[in-house]
Each structure stands twice: as C-alpha cells, then as structure tokens.
C-alpha atoms as a PDB file:
ATOM      1  CA  UNK A   1       0.000   0.000   0.000  1.00  0.00           C
ATOM      2  CA  UNK A   2       1.458   3.324  -1.117  1.00  0.00           C
ATOM      3  CA  UNK A   3       1.966   5.899   1.544  1.00  0.00           C
ATOM      4  CA  UNK A   4      -0.083   9.009   1.038  1.00  0.00           C
ATOM      5  CA  UNK A   5       1.897  12.191   0.750  1.00  0.00           C
ATOM      6  CA  UNK A   6       1.039  14.950   3.183  1.00  0.00           C
ATOM      7  CA  UNK A   7      -0.469  17.978   1.487  1.00  0.00           C
ATOM      8  CA  UNK A   8       1.817  20.966   2.088  1.00  0.00           C
ATOM      9  CA  UNK A   9       0.184  23.824   3.951  1.00  0.00           C
ATOM     10  CA  UNK A  10       0.579  27.460   3.070  1.00  0.00           C
ATOM     11  CA  UNK A  11       2.375  29.525   5.688  1.00  0.00           C
ATOM     12  CA  UNK A  12      -0.131  30.964   8.153  1.00  0.00           C
ATOM     13  CA  UNK A  13      -0.535  34.699   7.862  1.00  0.00           C
ATOM     14  CA  UNK A  14      -1.336  37.107  10.686  1.00  0.00           C
ATOM     15  CA  UNK A  15      -4.798  36.652  12.199  1.00  0.00           C
ATOM     16  CA  UNK A  16      -7.500  38.908  10.908  1.00  0.00           C
ATOM     17  CA  UNK A  17      -8.680  41.746  13.078  1.00  0.00           C
ATOM     18  CA  UNK A  18     -12.310  42.647  13.422  1.00  0.00           C
ATOM     19  CA  UNK A  19     -13.710  45.796  14.908  1.00  0.00           C
ATOM     20  CA  UNK A  20     -15.953  45.084  17.914  1.00  0.00           C
ATOM     21  CA  UNK A  21     -18.749  47.625  18.024  1.00  0.00           C
ATOM     22  CA  UNK A  22     -20.355  47.909  21.490  1.00  0.00           C
ATOM     23  CA  UNK A  23     -24.082  47.236  21.767  1.00  0.00           C
ATOM     24  CA  UNK A  24     -26.181  50.367  21.954  1.00  0.00           C
ATOM     25  CA  UNK A  25     -28.278  50.911  25.075  1.00  0.00           C
ATOM     26  CA  UNK A  26     -30.537  53.911  24.461  1.00  0.00           C
ATOM     27  CA  UNK A  27     -32.572  53.169  27.599  1.00  0.00           C
ATOM     28  CA  UNK A  28     -29.506  53.718  29.765  1.00  0.00           C
ATOM     29  CA  UNK A  29     -28.891  57.130  28.245  1.00  0.00           C
ATOM     30  CA  UNK A  30     -32.525  58.139  28.767  1.00  0.00           C
ATOM     31  CA  UNK A  31     -32.364  57.038  32.416  1.00  0.00           C
ATOM     32  CA  UNK A  32     -29.053  58.884  32.877  1.00  0.00           C
ATOM     33  CA  UNK A  33     -30.538  62.107  31.461  1.00  0.00           C
ATOM     34  CA  UNK A  34     -33.561  61.824  33.769  1.00  0.00           C
ATOM     35  CA  UNK A  35     -31.365  61.263  36.826  1.00  0.00           C
ATOM     36  CA  UNK A  36     -29.120  64.178  35.820  1.00  0.00           C
ATOM     37  CA  UNK A  37     -32.090  66.525  35.396  1.00  0.00           C
ATOM     38  CA  UNK A  38     -33.490  65.558  38.807  1.00  0.00           C
ATOM     39  CA  UNK A  39     -30.070  66.049  40.440  1.00  0.00           C
ATOM     40  CA  UNK A  40     -29.658  69.476  38.813  1.00  0.00           C
ATOM     41  CA  UNK A  41     -33.149  70.525  39.917  1.00  0.00           C
ATOM     42  CA  UNK A  42     -32.455  69.469  43.494  1.00  0.00           C
ATOM     43  CA  UNK A  43     -29.061  71.182  43.519  1.00  0.00           C
ATOM     44  CA  UNK A  44     -30.578  74.405  42.165  1.00  0.00           C
ATOM     45  CA  UNK A  45     -33.370  74.285  44.746  1.00  0.00           C
ATOM     46  CA  UNK A  46     -30.920  73.786  47.629  1.00  0.00           C
ATOM     47  CA  UNK A  47     -28.534  76.470  46.368  1.00  0.00           C
ATOM     48  CA  UNK A  48     -31.160  79.149  45.713  1.00  0.00           C
ATOM     49  CA  UNK A  49     -33.487  78.598  48.677  1.00  0.00           C
ATOM     50  CA  UNK A  50     -32.729  81.453  51.107  1.00  0.00           C
ATOM     51  CA  UNK A  51     -34.206  79.508  54.029  1.00  0.00           C
ATOM     52  CA  UNK A  52     -31.136  77.275  54.132  1.00  0.00           C
ATOM     53  CA  UNK A  53     -29.075  80.260  55.347  1.00  0.00           C
ATOM     54  CA  UNK A  54     -25.837  79.139  53.726  1.00  0.00           C
ATOM     55  CA  UNK A  55     -24.042  82.171  55.133  1.00  0.00           C
ATOM     56  CA  UNK A  56     -24.789  80.913  58.659  1.00  0.00           C
ATOM     57  CA  UNK A  57     -23.582  77.447  57.636  1.00  0.00           C
ATOM     58  CA  UNK A  58     -20.291  78.893  56.410  1.00  0.00           C
ATOM     59  CA  UNK A  59     -19.913  81.039  59.524  1.00  0.00           C
ATOM     60  CA  UNK A  60     -20.232  78.148  61.992  1.00  0.00           C
ATOM     61  CA  UNK A  61     -18.704  75.350  59.896  1.00  0.00           C
ATOM     62  CA  UNK A  62     -15.197  75.869  61.324  1.00  0.00           C
ATOM     63  CA  UNK A  63     -16.197  77.425  64.632  1.00  0.00           C
ATOM     64  CA  UNK A  64     -14.210  76.243  67.654  1.00  0.00           C
ATOM     65  CA  UNK A  65     -17.290  74.847  69.410  1.00  0.00           C
ATOM     66  CA  UNK A  66     -18.260  72.735  66.399  1.00  0.00           C
ATOM     67  CA  UNK A  67     -14.703  71.486  65.851  1.00  0.00           C
ATOM     68  CA  UNK A  68     -14.426  70.544  69.527  1.00  0.00           C
ATOM     69  CA  UNK A  69     -17.648  68.561  69.236  1.00  0.00           C
ATOM     70  CA  UNK A  70     -16.311  66.884  66.089  1.00  0.00           C
ATOM     71  CA  UNK A  71     -13.120  65.881  67.903  1.00  0.00           C
ATOM     72  CA  UNK A  72     -15.147  64.383  70.757  1.00  0.00           C
ATOM     73  CA  UNK A  73     -17.313  62.467  68.257  1.00  0.00           C
ATOM     74  CA  UNK A  74     -14.229  60.955  66.619  1.00  0.00           C
ATOM     75  CA  UNK A  75     -12.782  60.050  70.028  1.00  0.00           C
ATOM     76  CA  UNK A  76     -16.018  58.330  71.062  1.00  0.00           C
ATOM     77  CA  UNK A  77     -16.151  56.427  67.774  1.00  0.00           C
ATOM     78  CA  UNK A  78     -12.554  55.196  67.978  1.00  0.00           C
ATOM     79  CA  UNK A  79     -12.608  54.193  71.657  1.00  0.00           C
ATOM     80  CA  UNK A  80     -16.045  52.560  71.479  1.00  0.00           C
ATOM     81  CA  UNK A  81     -15.100  50.591  68.344  1.00  0.00           C
ATOM     82  CA  UNK A  82     -11.811  49.385  69.855  1.00  0.00           C
ATOM     83  CA  UNK A  83     -13.694  48.246  72.958  1.00  0.00           C
ATOM     84  CA  UNK A  84     -16.400  46.642  70.830  1.00  0.00           C
ATOM     85  CA  UNK A  85     -13.969  44.800  68.537  1.00  0.00           C
ATOM     86  CA  UNK A  86     -11.760  43.460  71.343  1.00  0.00           C
ATOM     87  CA  UNK A  87     -14.655  42.394  73.556  1.00  0.00           C
ATOM     88  CA  UNK A  88     -16.624  41.129  70.553  1.00  0.00           C
ATOM     89  CA  UNK A  89     -13.754  38.898  69.411  1.00  0.00           C
ATOM     90  CA  UNK A  90     -13.479  37.486  72.938  1.00  0.00           C
ATOM     91  CA  UNK A  91     -17.223  36.839  73.069  1.00  0.00           C
ATOM     92  CA  UNK A  92     -17.127  35.157  69.657  1.00  0.00           C
ATOM     93  CA  UNK A  93     -14.420  32.747  70.803  1.00  0.00           C
ATOM     94  CA  UNK A  94     -16.372  32.106  74.010  1.00  0.00           C
ATOM     95  CA  UNK A  95     -19.525  31.318  72.027  1.00  0.00           C
ATOM     96  CA  UNK A  96     -17.605  28.701  70.044  1.00  0.00           C
ATOM     97  CA  UNK A  97     -16.174  27.131  73.213  1.00  0.00           C
ATOM     98  CA  UNK A  98     -17.184  23.532  73.968  1.00  0.00           C
ATOM     99  CA  UNK A  99     -17.669  24.550  77.607  1.00  0.00           C
ATOM    100  CA  UNK A 100     -21.434  25.155  78.048  1.00  0.00           C
ATOM    101  CA  UNK A 101     -20.942  27.678  80.873  1.00  0.00           C
ATOM    102  CA  UNK A 102     -18.544  29.793  78.796  1.00  0.00           C
ATOM    103  CA  UNK A 103     -20.640  29.667  75.631  1.00  0.00           C
ATOM    104  CA  UNK A 104     -23.841  30.211  77.624  1.00  0.00           C
ATOM    105  CA  UNK A 105     -22.444  33.269  79.368  1.00  0.00           C
ATOM    106  CA  UNK A 106     -21.429  34.796  76.024  1.00  0.00           C
ATOM    107  CA  UNK A 107     -24.874  34.047  74.576  1.00  0.00           C
ATOM    108  CA  UNK A 108     -26.625  35.755  77.511  1.00  0.00           C
ATOM    109  CA  UNK A 109     -24.446  38.858  77.085  1.00  0.00           C
ATOM    110  CA  UNK A 110     -25.214  39.061  73.369  1.00  0.00           C
ATOM    111  CA  UNK A 111     -28.913  38.402  73.963  1.00  0.00           C
ATOM    112  CA  UNK A 112     -29.198  41.172  76.552  1.00  0.00           C
ATOM    113  CA  UNK A 113     -27.241  43.928  74.804  1.00  0.00           C
ATOM    114  CA  UNK A 114     -28.779  43.272  71.398  1.00  0.00           C
ATOM    115  CA  UNK A 115     -32.261  43.023  72.869  1.00  0.00           C
ATOM    116  CA  UNK A 116     -32.381  46.377  74.670  1.00  0.00           C
ATOM    117  CA  UNK A 117     -32.268  49.811  72.967  1.00  0.00           C
ATOM    118  CA  UNK A 118     -28.902  51.521  72.940  1.00  0.00           C
ATOM    119  CA  UNK A 119     -30.463  54.785  74.109  1.00  0.00           C
ATOM    120  CA  UNK A 120     -31.827  53.030  77.184  1.00  0.00           C
ATOM    121  CA  UNK A 121     -28.396  51.542  77.895  1.00  0.00           C
ATOM    122  CA  UNK A 122     -26.805  54.986  77.698  1.00  0.00           C
ATOM    123  CA  UNK A 123     -29.338  56.362  80.164  1.00  0.00           C
ATOM    124  CA  UNK A 124     -28.803  53.443  82.552  1.00  0.00           C
ATOM    125  CA  UNK A 125     -25.038  53.981  82.569  1.00  0.00           C
ATOM    126  CA  UNK A 126     -25.512  57.690  83.113  1.00  0.00           C
ATOM    127  CA  UNK A 127     -27.799  57.068  86.107  1.00  0.00           C
ATOM    128  CA  UNK A 128     -25.953  54.008  87.439  1.00  0.00           C
ATOM    129  CA  UNK A 129     -25.473  55.712  90.823  1.00  0.00           C
ATOM    130  CA  UNK A 130     -29.220  55.367  91.423  1.00  0.00           C
ATOM    131  CA  UNK A 131     -28.705  51.590  91.483  1.00  0.00           C
ATOM    132  CA  UNK A 132     -25.163  51.368  92.854  1.00  0.00           C
ATOM    133  CA  UNK A 133     -24.131  54.514  94.796  1.00  0.00           C
ATOM    134  CA  UNK A 134     -20.640  53.110  95.201  1.00  0.00           C
ATOM    135  CA  UNK A 135     -18.555  50.541  93.338  1.00  0.00           C
ATOM    136  CA  UNK A 136     -16.275  48.310  95.403  1.00  0.00           C
ATOM    137  CA  UNK A 137     -13.566  45.813  94.505  1.00  0.00           C
ATOM    138  CA  UNK A 138     -12.822  42.805  96.667  1.00  0.00           C
ATOM    139  CA  UNK A 139     -13.316  39.070  97.093  1.00  0.00           C
ATOM    140  CA  UNK A 140     -16.873  37.898  96.249  1.00  0.00           C
ATOM    141  CA  UNK A 141     -18.796  37.326  99.498  1.00  0.00           C
ATOM    142  CA  UNK A 142     -15.663  38.468 101.312  1.00  0.00           C
ATOM    143  CA  UNK A 143     -13.829  41.622 102.359  1.00  0.00           C
ATOM    144  CA  UNK A 144     -13.650  44.737 100.180  1.00  0.00           C
ATOM    145  CA  UNK A 145     -10.274  46.126  99.184  1.00  0.00           C
ATOM    146  CA  UNK A 146     -11.492  49.609  98.246  1.00  0.00           C
ATOM    147  CA  UNK A 147     -14.579  51.380  96.955  1.00  0.00           C
ATOM    148  CA  UNK A 148     -15.326  54.536  94.996  1.00  0.00           C
ATOM    149  CA  UNK A 149     -18.364  56.691  94.394  1.00  0.00           C
ATOM    150  CA  UNK A 150     -20.215  55.824  91.197  1.00  0.00           C
ATOM    151  CA  UNK A 151     -20.703  59.484  90.313  1.00  0.00           C
ATOM    152  CA  UNK A 152     -16.964  60.142  90.376  1.00  0.00           C
ATOM    153  CA  UNK A 153     -16.106  56.950  88.474  1.00  0.00           C
ATOM    154  CA  UNK A 154     -18.880  56.887  85.849  1.00  0.00           C
ATOM    155  CA  UNK A 155     -18.551  60.345  84.340  1.00  0.00           C
ATOM    156  CA  UNK A 156     -20.640  61.275  81.262  1.00  0.00           C
ATOM    157  CA  UNK A 157     -17.646  60.364  79.069  1.00  0.00           C
ATOM    158  CA  UNK A 158     -17.279  56.940  80.696  1.00  0.00           C
ATOM    159  CA  UNK A 159     -21.047  56.401  80.493  1.00  0.00           C
ATOM    160  CA  UNK A 160     -20.939  57.227  76.780  1.00  0.00           C
ATOM    161  CA  UNK A 161     -18.047  54.812  76.162  1.00  0.00           C
ATOM    162  CA  UNK A 162     -19.714  52.009  78.120  1.00  0.00           C
ATOM    163  CA  UNK A 163     -23.088  52.564  76.493  1.00  0.00           C
ATOM    164  CA  UNK A 164     -21.631  52.565  72.986  1.00  0.00           C
ATOM    165  CA  UNK A 165     -18.803  50.040  73.364  1.00  0.00           C
ATOM    166  CA  UNK A 166     -20.592  47.303  75.310  1.00  0.00           C
ATOM    167  CA  UNK A 167     -23.527  47.404  72.938  1.00  0.00           C
ATOM    168  CA  UNK A 168     -21.210  47.272  69.927  1.00  0.00           C
ATOM    169  CA  UNK A 169     -19.419  44.243  71.376  1.00  0.00           C
ATOM    170  CA  UNK A 170     -22.614  42.198  71.111  1.00  0.00           C
ATOM    171  CA  UNK A 171     -22.880  42.885  67.370  1.00  0.00           C
ATOM    172  CA  UNK A 172     -19.162  42.447  66.737  1.00  0.00           C
ATOM    173  CA  UNK A 173     -19.304  39.067  68.479  1.00  0.00           C
ATOM    174  CA  UNK A 174     -21.744  37.793  65.875  1.00  0.00           C
ATOM    175  CA  UNK A 175     -19.711  39.310  63.028  1.00  0.00           C
ATOM    176  CA  UNK A 176     -16.484  37.670  64.230  1.00  0.00           C
ATOM    177  CA  UNK A 177     -18.258  34.376  64.878  1.00  0.00           C
ATOM    178  CA  UNK A 178     -19.641  34.387  61.323  1.00  0.00           C
ATOM    179  CA  UNK A 179     -16.148  34.985  59.982  1.00  0.00           C
ATOM    180  CA  UNK A 180     -14.665  32.164  62.069  1.00  0.00           C
ATOM    181  CA  UNK A 181     -17.232  29.560  61.049  1.00  0.00           C
ATOM    182  CA  UNK A 182     -16.812  30.552  57.384  1.00  0.00           C
ATOM    183  CA  UNK A 183     -13.326  28.963  57.413  1.00  0.00           C
ATOM    184  CA  UNK A 184     -13.339  25.317  56.387  1.00  0.00           C
ATOM    185  CA  UNK A 185     -13.137  22.944  59.346  1.00  0.00           C
ATOM    186  CA  UNK A 186     -10.566  20.825  57.549  1.00  0.00           C
ATOM    187  CA  UNK A 187      -7.962  23.517  58.070  1.00  0.00           C
ATOM    188  CA  UNK A 188      -8.573  23.491  61.808  1.00  0.00           C
ATOM    189  CA  UNK A 189      -8.264  19.707  61.851  1.00  0.00           C
ATOM    190  CA  UNK A 190      -5.028  19.876  59.851  1.00  0.00           C
ATOM    191  CA  UNK A 191      -3.605  22.432  62.278  1.00  0.00           C
ATOM    192  CA  UNK A 192      -4.521  20.188  65.219  1.00  0.00           C
ATOM    193  CA  UNK A 193      -2.829  17.246  63.472  1.00  0.00           C
ATOM    194  CA  UNK A 194       0.345  19.341  63.222  1.00  0.00           C
ATOM    195  CA  UNK A 195       0.276  19.879  66.984  1.00  0.00           C
ATOM    196  CA  UNK A 196      -0.860  23.499  67.000  1.00  0.00           C
ATOM    197  CA  UNK A 197      -2.846  24.653  69.993  1.00  0.00           C
ATOM    198  CA  UNK A 198      -6.340  26.090  69.659  1.00  0.00           C
ATOM    199  CA  UNK A 199      -5.035  29.605  70.227  1.00  0.00           C
ATOM    200  CA  UNK A 200      -2.291  29.185  67.610  1.00  0.00           C
ATOM    201  CA  UNK A 201      -4.788  27.794  65.128  1.00  0.00           C
ATOM    202  CA  UNK A 202      -7.121  30.712  65.711  1.00  0.00           C
ATOM    203  CA  UNK A 203      -4.368  33.313  65.418  1.00  0.00           C
ATOM    204  CA  UNK A 204      -2.387  31.872  62.495  1.00  0.00           C
ATOM    205  CA  UNK A 205      -4.917  29.919  60.433  1.00  0.00           C
ATOM    206  CA  UNK A 206      -8.513  30.908  61.099  1.00  0.00           C
ATOM    207  CA  UNK A 207      -8.503  34.662  61.742  1.00  0.00           C
ATOM    208  CA  UNK A 208      -6.342  35.663  58.703  1.00  0.00           C
ATOM    209  CA  UNK A 209      -8.819  33.890  56.415  1.00  0.00           C
ATOM    210  CA  UNK A 210     -11.878  35.066  58.327  1.00  0.00           C
ATOM    211  CA  UNK A 211     -10.868  38.706  57.874  1.00  0.00           C
ATOM    212  CA  UNK A 212     -12.384  38.745  54.369  1.00  0.00           C
ATOM    213  CA  UNK A 213     -15.757  38.086  55.978  1.00  0.00           C
ATOM    214  CA  UNK A 214     -15.195  40.243  59.075  1.00  0.00           C
ATOM    215  CA  UNK A 215     -13.872  43.453  57.478  1.00  0.00           C
ATOM    216  CA  UNK A 216     -16.921  44.602  55.420  1.00  0.00           C
ATOM    217  CA  UNK A 217     -19.493  44.491  58.262  1.00  0.00           C
ATOM    218  CA  UNK A 218     -16.912  45.905  60.687  1.00  0.00           C
ATOM    219  CA  UNK A 219     -16.476  48.890  58.402  1.00  0.00           C
ATOM    220  CA  UNK A 220     -20.234  49.333  58.303  1.00  0.00           C
ATOM    221  CA  UNK A 221     -20.381  49.145  62.098  1.00  0.00           C
ATOM    222  CA  UNK A 222     -17.677  51.819  62.369  1.00  0.00           C
ATOM    223  CA  UNK A 223     -19.628  54.172  60.111  1.00  0.00           C
ATOM    224  CA  UNK A 224     -22.789  53.392  62.059  1.00  0.00           C
ATOM    225  CA  UNK A 225     -20.965  54.067  65.331  1.00  0.00           C
ATOM    226  CA  UNK A 226     -19.938  57.511  64.111  1.00  0.00           C
ATOM    227  CA  UNK A 227     -23.596  58.426  63.672  1.00  0.00           C
ATOM    228  CA  UNK A 228     -24.837  56.510  66.707  1.00  0.00           C
ATOM    229  CA  UNK A 229     -22.489  58.563  68.893  1.00  0.00           C
ATOM    230  CA  UNK A 230     -24.983  61.418  68.488  1.00  0.00           C
ATOM    231  CA  UNK A 231     -27.195  59.572  70.985  1.00  0.00           C
ATOM    232  CA  UNK A 232     -24.924  60.684  73.818  1.00  0.00           C
ATOM    233  CA  UNK A 233     -26.429  64.137  73.447  1.00  0.00           C
ATOM    234  CA  UNK A 234     -29.286  62.862  75.662  1.00  0.00           C
ATOM    235  CA  UNK A 235     -26.861  62.668  78.594  1.00  0.00           C
ATOM    236  CA  UNK A 236     -25.632  66.233  77.887  1.00  0.00           C
ATOM    237  CA  UNK A 237     -22.209  65.209  76.636  1.00  0.00           C
ATOM    238  CA  UNK A 238     -20.817  67.747  74.153  1.00  0.00           C
ATOM    239  CA  UNK A 239     -20.213  65.761  71.006  1.00  0.00           C
ATOM    240  CA  UNK A 240     -20.936  67.192  67.544  1.00  0.00           C
ATOM    241  CA  UNK A 241     -24.729  67.164  67.653  1.00  0.00           C
ATOM    242  CA  UNK A 242     -24.963  68.490  71.206  1.00  0.00           C
ATOM    243  CA  UNK A 243     -22.479  71.252  70.328  1.00  0.00           C
ATOM    244  CA  UNK A 244     -24.656  72.550  67.495  1.00  0.00           C
ATOM    245  CA  UNK A 245     -27.717  72.190  69.731  1.00  0.00           C
ATOM    246  CA  UNK A 246     -26.102  74.517  72.241  1.00  0.00           C
ATOM    247  CA  UNK A 247     -25.405  77.034  69.486  1.00  0.00           C
ATOM    248  CA  UNK A 248     -28.897  77.080  67.999  1.00  0.00           C
ATOM    249  CA  UNK A 249     -30.421  77.183  71.473  1.00  0.00           C
ATOM    250  CA  UNK A 250     -28.843  80.646  71.695  1.00  0.00           C
ATOM    251  CA  UNK A 251     -29.352  82.006  68.151  1.00  0.00           C
ATOM    252  CA  UNK A 252     -32.475  80.016  67.085  1.00  0.00           C
ATOM    253  CA  UNK A 253     -30.865  79.009  63.755  1.00  0.00           C
ATOM    254  CA  UNK A 254     -31.790  75.349  63.953  1.00  0.00           C
ATOM    255  CA  UNK A 255     -31.699  74.400  60.248  1.00  0.00           C
ATOM    256  CA  UNK A 256     -28.283  75.914  59.368  1.00  0.00           C
ATOM    257  CA  UNK A 257     -26.649  74.399  62.457  1.00  0.00           C
ATOM    258  CA  UNK A 258     -28.153  70.989  61.732  1.00  0.00           C
ATOM    259  CA  UNK A 259     -26.795  71.292  58.196  1.00  0.00           C
ATOM    260  CA  UNK A 260     -23.342  71.975  59.669  1.00  0.00           C
ATOM    261  CA  UNK A 261     -23.515  68.797  61.739  1.00  0.00           C
ATOM    262  CA  UNK A 262     -24.822  66.768  58.788  1.00  0.00           C
ATOM    263  CA  UNK A 263     -22.022  67.964  56.508  1.00  0.00           C
ATOM    264  CA  UNK A 264     -19.359  67.014  59.039  1.00  0.00           C
ATOM    265  CA  UNK A 265     -20.950  63.572  59.483  1.00  0.00           C
ATOM    266  CA  UNK A 266     -20.935  63.137  55.691  1.00  0.00           C
ATOM    267  CA  UNK A 267     -17.269  64.153  55.421  1.00  0.00           C
ATOM    268  CA  UNK A 268     -16.061  61.753  58.119  1.00  0.00           C
ATOM    269  CA  UNK A 269     -18.306  58.970  56.790  1.00  0.00           C
ATOM    270  CA  UNK A 270     -16.809  59.433  53.313  1.00  0.00           C
ATOM    271  CA  UNK A 271     -13.273  59.202  54.694  1.00  0.00           C
ATOM    272  CA  UNK A 272     -14.170  56.030  56.602  1.00  0.00           C
ATOM    273  CA  UNK A 273     -15.797  54.536  53.498  1.00  0.00           C
ATOM    274  CA  UNK A 274     -12.642  55.128  51.450  1.00  0.00           C
ATOM    275  CA  UNK A 275     -10.517  53.519  54.164  1.00  0.00           C
ATOM    276  CA  UNK A 276     -12.894  50.556  54.333  1.00  0.00           C
ATOM    277  CA  UNK A 277     -12.666  50.131  50.547  1.00  0.00           C
ATOM    278  CA  UNK A 278      -8.879  49.866  50.525  1.00  0.00           C
ATOM    279  CA  UNK A 279      -8.803  47.557  53.556  1.00  0.00           C
ATOM    280  CA  UNK A 280     -11.315  45.236  51.869  1.00  0.00           C
ATOM    281  CA  UNK A 281      -9.207  45.368  48.702  1.00  0.00           C
ATOM    282  CA  UNK A 282      -6.114  44.363  50.639  1.00  0.00           C
ATOM    283  CA  UNK A 283      -7.709  41.413  52.425  1.00  0.00           C
ATOM    284  CA  UNK A 284      -9.499  40.353  49.229  1.00  0.00           C
ATOM    285  CA  UNK A 285      -6.248  39.541  47.429  1.00  0.00           C
ATOM    286  CA  UNK A 286      -6.031  35.979  46.154  1.00  0.00           C
ATOM    287  CA  UNK A 287      -9.770  35.375  45.936  1.00  0.00           C
ATOM    288  CA  UNK A 288     -11.419  33.950  42.854  1.00  0.00           C
ATOM    289  CA  UNK A 289     -13.111  37.272  42.125  1.00  0.00           C
ATOM    290  CA  UNK A 290      -9.764  38.938  41.501  1.00  0.00           C
ATOM    291  CA  UNK A 291      -8.421  42.252  42.703  1.00  0.00           C
ATOM    292  CA  UNK A 292     -11.010  45.006  42.924  1.00  0.00           C
ATOM    293  CA  UNK A 293     -10.296  48.116  40.914  1.00  0.00           C
ATOM    294  CA  UNK A 294      -9.673  51.395  42.684  1.00  0.00           C
ATOM    295  CA  UNK A 295     -12.002  54.353  41.989  1.00  0.00           C
ATOM    296  CA  UNK A 296      -9.325  55.938  39.755  1.00  0.00           C
ATOM    297  CA  UNK A 297      -8.975  52.711  37.759  1.00  0.00           C
ATOM    298  CA  UNK A 298     -12.751  52.504  37.319  1.00  0.00           C
ATOM    299  CA  UNK A 299     -12.830  56.155  36.188  1.00  0.00           C
ATOM    300  CA  UNK A 300     -10.120  55.541  33.594  1.00  0.00           C
ATOM    301  CA  UNK A 301     -11.929  52.454  32.345  1.00  0.00           C
ATOM    302  CA  UNK A 302     -15.228  54.327  32.000  1.00  0.00           C
ATOM    303  CA  UNK A 303     -13.587  57.282  30.251  1.00  0.00           C
ATOM    304  CA  UNK A 304     -11.809  55.183  27.667  1.00  0.00           C
ATOM    305  CA  UNK A 305     -14.400  52.431  27.179  1.00  0.00           C
ATOM    306  CA  UNK A 306     -16.126  54.248  24.326  1.00  0.00           C
ATOM    307  CA  UNK A 307     -13.361  53.470  21.848  1.00  0.00           C
ATOM    308  CA  UNK A 308     -13.956  50.629  19.417  1.00  0.00           C
ATOM    309  CA  UNK A 309     -11.963  47.552  20.286  1.00  0.00           C
ATOM    310  CA  UNK A 310     -10.188  45.269  17.827  1.00  0.00           C
ATOM    311  CA  UNK A 311     -10.319  41.555  18.421  1.00  0.00           C
ATOM    312  CA  UNK A 312      -7.939  39.044  16.885  1.00  0.00           C
ATOM    313  CA  UNK A 313      -9.592  35.911  15.523  1.00  0.00           C
ATOM    314  CA  UNK A 314      -7.117  33.005  15.521  1.00  0.00           C
ATOM    315  CA  UNK A 315      -7.402  30.653  12.555  1.00  0.00           C
ATOM    316  CA  UNK A 316      -9.550  33.027  10.527  1.00  0.00           C
ATOM    317  CA  UNK A 317      -6.839  34.056   8.075  1.00  0.00           C
ATOM    318  CA  UNK A 318      -8.035  31.730   5.316  1.00  0.00           C
ATOM    319  CA  UNK A 319      -5.389  29.029   5.554  1.00  0.00           C
ATOM    320  CA  UNK A 320      -5.138  26.828   2.478  1.00  0.00           C
ATOM    321  CA  UNK A 321      -4.850  23.100   2.785  1.00  0.00           C
END
C-alpha cells in the first residue's frame, strides 16, 4: 500500500482583526438624562433657597465649638469601636467554646445587649449611681479592698463609652463568629494534626482567612458608630450634635446648624468609606473574584471604554490546505 503524501500547507498569515462595536443601550442614556435633570433641579433648589441660610452654615462650619464637638465624636467612635472589637472577638471565641458555661455566658451577654435599645443603655449607665451609689472591689462574698463613688467613676464620658462600646461588642461578636465559622473545618483539623494549639490555630490559620468576611461588616459598624455617637447628646455630653444644639439654642438658627452637623458627618463617613474600601481590597487579594479596581482605575476604564476595540480571531486568516 502506497503511503499518502502529506499535502503541504501554506504559511499561516497574521490573524485577521475585526472591529468590535459595542451594543447600543438607548434606555440607559434616557435614564441617565432623567437622573441628571433631577439632580440638577435638586441642587438648584438647595442652592437658591434662602431659608437654608448658607451664610450661617459657612460662619459656623469651622467654629471652635463645632470642631471641639467633632473631635469628641471621633474620640467616642474610635474608643467605642476598639472596645467593641476586642470584647466582641473574645465573646465570639467564648460562644464557640465547647464549655457550656462559657458559651452560655457569652450568649446571655449578646442576647441582653442586642435586645435592649442603645439609648436606654446609655441612660442606665448615666444614672448608674441610682442603682449602685458606690462601686467596690474585693473578694466575692468576702472583704472589700477599696470602693469609689459611682458618680466620680462613671462620668458622662465613661457612660458614653460604656453605652456605645458594650452594645457594639454584642454585634461584633456575631460578626467575628460568622467569619470564624466561614473557614473550612478541615484547616482546623489539619492544624490540630500538626500539633498546633487552639489559640495558635485561631491566630495563624482561622482569623487571617476570616478577615475577608469580618472586614466589610466591621467597616459598616464603624460608620454606624460615628452616627450613633450622636445619641450621647441625651446625657448632655458635648459631642458634635450636642455642640450645634447649644449654638442654635442661643441664636435660634436650627436648620443651618443641623446642616453643619450633617455635613461634618458626611465628610467623616466618606473618609471612613474610602478607608474601608482599601482595607477590603487588601484582604481580598487571592480570591477567585480577583483584585477590585480602585475608583481611579474605574474612572479611567469608564472614560476610555467608548473606543472601538479590535479583536484578533485566531485561525480566521483563510489558511489553504
């Protein structure tokens, strides 16, 4: 049987290029125009309405009393969140403990502080001396080492920290617990097989992976804490909202002063949101979804996405056989 000769092939040329024309979406443009018109109408109404008293807003925006209240608000937010995160992580580990007394005690704490209004908790801490006129330290059912007056120990600042931080710990406990149980149990078993203790496994294996689940809601809780700190105005503590309340109680310019407070809350919230975005981006490295683009990268992509793209089609150059 004669061997068949292979048919020589012509040398492959460069692949053809086709111009990819993006699909038109006229409905999107119509919706964008409608949204833009509504935004312009609202902006014009806010800018031209004399009842907003923008001159008063500008006068008090950087006043010393407002800036002092802003500083106190930031201090309350930072200290309360640190207390909430540390205590919440401890409560989360306690809830996952095989000891029923430890896990039960953590559950009761979370049940109580999540089940009662935060405003009520702030008021209770502020009036704690009505229940306990003095606070003593000593051996249970034994002698006291020393005691102190509740009014001198639980100042309005301490009451605000306790009311905000202890309540936040209950929510952070559930956030941390959700992050811990999201890690595959096989990794914990492998760490135990290598001889690692439970604490080492939690610190080196579980928590670094759980951070992807913990960070987003923690950022939301931080932003929420910034705004929730305004509740301490009910105990006459001079944070941002109470500071502007003192000002408009004297000049009766309620709306402009409330606008001042709202603008400062928006500014700090925006800064926290940007920080949360970059922290999430850092801990999201290595996931299947890929690295999230920064706002500048998204802006560049949107600005230059209107150009027609060329796509190479391999094997479409008309090879001859």
